[in-house]
Amino acid sequence: MMTVLLNLEAIAQVLLTNISSLQVLSLLLITQ
């Protein structure tokens, strides 16, 4: 059970980092 929770937390962190990087890329594209 704990491994499932840890995996979900890791996936959530990856999704958050991907979303933030996508926001940065979109901001860079908009400013150009």
N, C-alpha and C. Protein backbone atom coordinates (compact mmCIF):
# COMPACT_ATOMS: atom_id res chain seq x y z
N MET A 1 0.84 -1.21 0.00
CA MET A 1 0.00 0.00 0.00
C MET A 1 0.87 1.25 0.00
N MET A 2 1.93 1.22 0.79
CA MET A 2 2.79 2.41 0.86
C MET A 2 3.47 2.67 -0.48
N THR A 3 3.84 1.60 -1.18
CA THR A 3 4.52 1.79 -2.46
C THR A 3 3.59 2.47 -3.46
N VAL A 4 2.30 2.14 -3.40
CA VAL A 4 1.34 2.77 -4.32
C VAL A 4 1.25 4.26 -4.02
N LEU A 5 1.20 4.61 -2.73
CA LEU A 5 1.14 6.03 -2.36
C LEU A 5 2.40 6.75 -2.81
N LEU A 6 3.56 6.12 -2.64
CA LEU A 6 4.81 6.75 -3.05
C LEU A 6 4.84 6.94 -4.56
N ASN A 7 4.35 5.95 -5.29
CA ASN A 7 4.32 6.06 -6.75
C ASN A 7 3.38 7.19 -7.18
N LEU A 8 2.23 7.30 -6.54
CA LEU A 8 1.29 8.38 -6.88
C LEU A 8 1.92 9.73 -6.59
N GLU A 9 2.65 9.84 -5.47
CA GLU A 9 3.30 11.11 -5.12
C GLU A 9 4.36 11.46 -6.15
N ALA A 10 5.13 10.46 -6.58
CA ALA A 10 6.17 10.70 -7.59
C ALA A 10 5.54 11.14 -8.90
N ILE A 11 4.45 10.48 -9.29
CA ILE A 11 3.76 10.85 -10.53
C ILE A 11 3.22 12.27 -10.43
N ALA A 12 2.66 12.63 -9.28
CA ALA A 12 2.12 13.97 -9.09
C ALA A 12 3.23 15.01 -9.21
N GLN A 13 4.40 14.73 -8.63
CA GLN A 13 5.52 15.66 -8.72
C GLN A 13 5.97 15.83 -10.16
N VAL A 14 6.03 14.73 -10.91
CA VAL A 14 6.43 14.81 -12.32
C VAL A 14 5.43 15.63 -13.11
N LEU A 15 4.14 15.40 -12.85
CA LEU A 15 3.11 16.17 -13.56
C LEU A 15 3.23 17.65 -13.24
N LEU A 16 3.47 17.98 -11.96
CA LEU A 16 3.59 19.38 -11.57
C LEU A 16 4.78 20.03 -12.26
N THR A 17 5.91 19.33 -12.31
CA THR A 17 7.10 19.91 -12.94
C THR A 17 6.88 20.07 -14.43
N ASN A 18 6.19 19.10 -15.06
CA ASN A 18 5.91 19.20 -16.49
C ASN A 18 4.98 20.38 -16.77
N ILE A 19 3.97 20.57 -15.93
CA ILE A 19 3.02 21.68 -16.12
C ILE A 19 3.76 23.01 -15.97
N SER A 20 4.62 23.13 -14.96
CA SER A 20 5.33 24.38 -14.75
C SER A 20 6.26 24.67 -15.91
N SER A 21 6.94 23.65 -16.42
CA SER A 21 7.85 23.85 -17.56
C SER A 21 7.05 24.23 -18.80
N LEU A 22 5.86 23.65 -18.97
CA LEU A 22 5.02 24.00 -20.12
C LEU A 22 4.56 25.45 -20.01
N GLN A 23 4.25 25.91 -18.79
CA GLN A 23 3.84 27.30 -18.60
C GLN A 23 4.99 28.23 -18.94
N VAL A 24 6.20 27.89 -18.53
CA VAL A 24 7.37 28.72 -18.83
C VAL A 24 7.59 28.77 -20.34
N LEU A 25 7.48 27.63 -21.01
CA LEU A 25 7.67 27.60 -22.46
C LEU A 25 6.60 28.43 -23.17
N SER A 26 5.36 28.33 -22.72
CA SER A 26 4.29 29.11 -23.35
C SER A 26 4.51 30.60 -23.13
N LEU A 27 4.99 30.98 -21.94
CA LEU A 27 5.27 32.39 -21.68
C LEU A 27 6.39 32.88 -22.58
N LEU A 28 7.42 32.07 -22.76
CA LEU A 28 8.53 32.46 -23.65
C LEU A 28 8.03 32.62 -25.08
N LEU A 29 7.16 31.71 -25.52
CA LEU A 29 6.64 31.80 -26.89
C LEU A 29 5.77 33.05 -27.05
N ILE A 30 4.99 33.38 -26.04
CA ILE A 30 4.10 34.54 -26.13
C ILE A 30 4.91 35.83 -26.20
N THR A 31 5.99 35.91 -25.42
CA THR A 31 6.76 37.16 -25.36
C THR A 31 7.56 37.38 -26.64
N GLN A 32 7.85 36.32 -27.39
CA GLN A 32 8.67 36.50 -28.59
C GLN A 32 7.87 37.13 -29.73
